[in-house]
C-alpha atoms as a PDB file:
ATOM      1  CA  MET A   1      -0.162  -0.104   0.130  1.00  0.00           C
ATOM      2  CA  ALA A   2       1.283   3.293  -1.034  1.00  0.00           C
ATOM      3  CA  LYS A   3       1.673   6.177   1.196  1.00  0.00           C
ATOM      4  CA  THR A   4      -0.377   9.099   0.594  1.00  0.00           C
ATOM      5  CA  TYR A   5       1.443  12.596   0.939  1.00  0.00           C
ATOM      6  CA  SER A   6      -0.264  15.889   1.531  1.00  0.00           C
ATOM      7  CA  ASN A   7       0.594  19.286   1.828  1.00  0.00           C
ATOM      8  CA  LYS A   8       2.163  20.328   5.242  1.00  0.00           C
ATOM      9  CA  ILE A   9      -0.154  22.954   5.453  1.00  0.00           C
ATOM     10  CA  ASN A  10      -3.162  20.795   5.067  1.00  0.00           C
ATOM     11  CA  LYS A  11      -2.139  18.199   7.923  1.00  0.00           C
ATOM     12  CA  ILE A  12      -1.943  20.784  10.146  1.00  0.00           C
ATOM     13  CA  ARG A  13      -4.776  22.473   9.765  1.00  0.00           C
ATOM     14  CA  SER A  14      -6.452  19.133   9.680  1.00  0.00           C
ATOM     15  CA  PHE A  15      -5.096  18.011  13.295  1.00  0.00           C
ATOM     16  CA  ALA A  16      -6.174  21.271  14.784  1.00  0.00           C
ATOM     17  CA  LEU A  17      -9.868  20.689  13.297  1.00  0.00           C
ATOM     18  CA  ALA A  18      -9.489  17.202  14.797  1.00  0.00           C
ATOM     19  CA  LEU A  19      -8.878  18.526  17.857  1.00  0.00           C
ATOM     20  CA  ILE A  20     -11.931  21.028  18.120  1.00  0.00           C
ATOM     21  CA  PHE A  21     -14.288  17.816  17.166  1.00  0.00           C
ATOM     22  CA  ILE A  22     -12.645  15.739  19.993  1.00  0.00           C
ATOM     23  CA  GLY A  23     -12.911  18.740  22.111  1.00  0.00           C
ATOM     24  CA  VAL A  24     -16.759  18.803  21.901  1.00  0.00           C
ATOM     25  CA  ILE A  25     -17.114  14.929  22.039  1.00  0.00           C
ATOM     26  CA  VAL A  26     -15.134  14.751  25.214  1.00  0.00           C
ATOM     27  CA  MET A  27     -17.502  17.752  26.677  1.00  0.00           C
ATOM     28  CA  TYR A  28     -20.467  15.996  25.154  1.00  0.00           C
ATOM     29  CA  GLY A  29     -19.304  13.130  27.226  1.00  0.00           C
ATOM     30  CA  GLY A  30     -19.662  15.029  30.407  1.00  0.00           C
ATOM     31  CA  ILE A  31     -23.478  15.095  30.059  1.00  0.00           C
ATOM     32  CA  PHE A  32     -23.670  11.072  31.044  1.00  0.00           C
ATOM     33  CA  PHE A  33     -22.125  12.394  34.803  1.00  0.00           C
ATOM     34  CA  ARG A  34     -24.704  14.934  35.388  1.00  0.00           C
ATOM     35  CA  ASP A  35     -25.464  13.268  38.799  1.00  0.00           C
ATOM     36  CA  ASN A  36     -21.502  13.670  39.688  1.00  0.00           C
ATOM     37  CA  PRO A  37     -20.440  17.385  39.008  1.00  0.00           C
ATOM     38  CA  ILE A  38     -16.618  16.607  39.707  1.00  0.00           C
ATOM     39  CA  VAL A  39     -16.675  14.094  36.762  1.00  0.00           C
ATOM     40  CA  MET A  40     -18.826  16.373  35.006  1.00  0.00           C
ATOM     41  CA  LEU A  41     -16.274  19.488  35.450  1.00  0.00           C
ATOM     42  CA  ILE A  42     -13.447  17.294  34.660  1.00  0.00           C
ATOM     43  CA  PHE A  43     -14.715  15.821  30.825  1.00  0.00           C
ATOM     44  CA  ILE A  44     -15.988  20.009  30.328  1.00  0.00           C
ATOM     45  CA  THR A  45     -12.446  21.103  31.376  1.00  0.00           C
ATOM     46  CA  LEU A  46     -10.622  18.419  29.184  1.00  0.00           C
ATOM     47  CA  GLY A  47     -12.955  19.279  26.137  1.00  0.00           C
ATOM     48  CA  MET A  48     -12.057  23.040  26.628  1.00  0.00           C
ATOM     49  CA  LEU A  49      -8.503  22.467  26.942  1.00  0.00           C
ATOM     50  CA  SER A  50      -8.593  20.450  23.753  1.00  0.00           C
ATOM     51  CA  ILE A  51     -10.401  23.499  21.942  1.00  0.00           C
ATOM     52  CA  LEU A  52      -7.807  25.948  23.394  1.00  0.00           C
ATOM     53  CA  PHE A  53      -4.848  23.726  21.862  1.00  0.00           C
ATOM     54  CA  SER A  54      -6.530  23.984  18.679  1.00  0.00           C
ATOM     55  CA  MET A  55      -6.598  27.571  18.686  1.00  0.00           C
ATOM     56  CA  VAL A  56      -2.713  27.666  19.399  1.00  0.00           C
ATOM     57  CA  VAL A  57      -2.230  25.355  16.638  1.00  0.00           C
ATOM     58  CA  TYR A  58      -4.257  27.267  14.416  1.00  0.00           C
ATOM     59  CA  PHE A  59      -2.353  30.478  15.237  1.00  0.00           C
ATOM     60  CA  TRP A  60       1.142  28.746  15.263  1.00  0.00           C
ATOM     61  CA  ILE A  61       0.016  27.332  11.445  1.00  0.00           C
ATOM     62  CA  GLY A  62      -0.930  30.983  10.534  1.00  0.00           C
ATOM     63  CA  MET A  63       2.211  32.294  11.290  1.00  0.00           C
ATOM     64  CA  LEU A  64       4.193  29.855   9.990  1.00  0.00           C
ATOM     65  CA  SER A  65       1.886  29.875   6.717  1.00  0.00           C
ATOM     66  CA  THR A  66       2.918  33.879   6.513  1.00  0.00           C
ATOM     67  CA  LYS A  67       6.537  32.716   6.239  1.00  0.00           C
ATOM     68  CA  ALA A  68       5.999  30.175   3.639  1.00  0.00           C
ATOM     69  CA  VAL A  69       7.245  30.444  -0.050  1.00  0.00           C
ATOM     70  CA  VAL A  70       4.147  30.755  -2.813  1.00  0.00           C
ATOM     71  CA  VAL A  71       4.965  29.063  -5.681  1.00  0.00           C
ATOM     72  CA  THR A  72       3.054  28.314  -9.052  1.00  0.00           C
ATOM     73  CA  CYS A  73       2.185  24.544  -9.511  1.00  0.00           C
ATOM     74  CA  PRO A  74       3.657  23.274 -12.900  1.00  0.00           C
ATOM     75  CA  ASN A  75       1.023  20.800 -13.042  1.00  0.00           C
ATOM     76  CA  CYS A  76      -2.515  22.801 -12.176  1.00  0.00           C
ATOM     77  CA  GLU A  77      -0.948  26.298 -12.498  1.00  0.00           C
ATOM     78  CA  LYS A  78      -2.453  27.585  -8.982  1.00  0.00           C
ATOM     79  CA  GLN A  79      -0.451  29.278  -6.432  1.00  0.00           C
ATOM     80  CA  THR A  80       0.386  27.121  -3.485  1.00  0.00           C
ATOM     81  CA  LYS A  81       2.642  27.431  -0.580  1.00  0.00           C
ATOM     82  CA  VAL A  82       6.031  25.141   0.158  1.00  0.00           C
ATOM     83  CA  LEU A  83       7.117  24.837   3.642  1.00  0.00           C
ATOM     84  CA  GLY A  84      10.642  23.130   3.594  1.00  0.00           C
ATOM     85  CA  ARG A  85      12.716  21.657   0.787  1.00  0.00           C
ATOM     86  CA  VAL A  86       9.708  19.508  -0.675  1.00  0.00           C
ATOM     87  CA  ASP A  87       5.790  19.514  -0.556  1.00  0.00           C
ATOM     88  CA  MET A  88       3.341  18.752  -2.396  1.00  0.00           C
ATOM     89  CA  CYS A  89       0.355  20.843  -4.223  1.00  0.00           C
ATOM     90  CA  MET A  90      -2.197  21.993  -1.783  1.00  0.00           C
ATOM     91  CA  TYR A  91      -4.798  21.430  -5.078  1.00  0.00           C
ATOM     92  CA  CYS A  92      -3.477  18.418  -7.196  1.00  0.00           C
ATOM     93  CA  ARG A  93      -0.608  17.043  -4.856  1.00  0.00           C
ATOM     94  CA  GLU A  94       2.140  17.504  -7.577  1.00  0.00           C
ATOM     95  CA  PRO A  95       5.339  17.324  -5.828  1.00  0.00           C
ATOM     96  CA  LEU A  96       7.233  20.443  -5.463  1.00  0.00           C
ATOM     97  CA  THR A  97      10.458  21.430  -4.694  1.00  0.00           C
ATOM     98  CA  LEU A  98      12.435  24.520  -4.025  1.00  0.00           C
ATOM     99  CA  ASP A  99      15.981  22.688  -4.105  1.00  0.00           C
ATOM    100  CA  PRO A 100      17.654  22.540  -7.330  1.00  0.00           C
ATOM    101  CA  ASN A 101      19.608  19.127  -6.057  1.00  0.00           C
ATOM    102  CA  LEU A 102      16.289  17.623  -5.732  1.00  0.00           C
ATOM    103  CA  GLU A 103      14.822  18.043  -9.144  1.00  0.00           C
ATOM    104  CA  GLY A 104      14.047  14.902 -10.683  1.00  0.00           C
ATOM    105  CA  LYS A 105      14.356  13.013  -7.614  1.00  0.00           C
ATOM    106  CA  GLU A 106      11.599  10.823  -6.179  1.00  0.00           C
ATOM    107  CA  PHE A 107       9.219  12.340  -3.664  1.00  0.00           C
ATOM    108  CA  ASN A 108      10.036  12.052  -0.239  1.00  0.00           C
ATOM    109  CA  GLU A 109       9.297  13.906   2.892  1.00  0.00           C
ATOM    110  CA  ASP A 110      12.680  12.772   4.451  1.00  0.00           C
ATOM    111  CA  TYR A 111      14.380  15.419   2.525  1.00  0.00           C
ATOM    112  CA  ASN A 112      13.004  18.106   5.190  1.00  0.00           C
ATOM    113  CA  LYS A 113      14.723  16.712   8.025  1.00  0.00           C
ATOM    114  CA  LYS A 114      17.943  17.975   8.986  1.00  0.00           C
ATOM    115  CA  LYS A 115      20.784  15.513   8.949  1.00  0.00           C
ATOM    116  CA  LYS A 116      23.231  15.220  11.784  1.00  0.00           C
ATOM    117  CA  GLU A 117      26.324  16.097  10.096  1.00  0.00           C
ATOM    118  CA  SER A 118      29.634  14.807  11.982  1.00  0.00           C
ATOM    119  CA  ALA A 119      32.198  16.571  13.306  1.00  0.00           C
ATOM    120  CA  GLN A 120      35.053  17.302  10.843  1.00  0.00           C
ATOM    121  CA  ASN A 121      38.487  17.727  12.636  1.00  0.00           C
END
């Protein structure tokens, strides 16, 4: 089974959206404990923390998105944002790179990871 890739910005936004849904579901779970106010308060607090963390993630990806390089996708010719050395088009999932050394190579997200350079004496 081939691994599916997607744009990094969209991945992080999807994670933040999932946190919102998880928080709402956890808060609704507190309704089942109406008879025990302490347990109900714990569920509501956990749900609110999840939603607040989602807000932090949305703020962070918004700030990161402003620093992303805007390029025109050669496949669909729409403007998309690239984070790191390699990324996918937000619309057509075309592999994109800003590094001329990686052009023509097979797409791999590991190109974005910084390699530990050995100390040279």
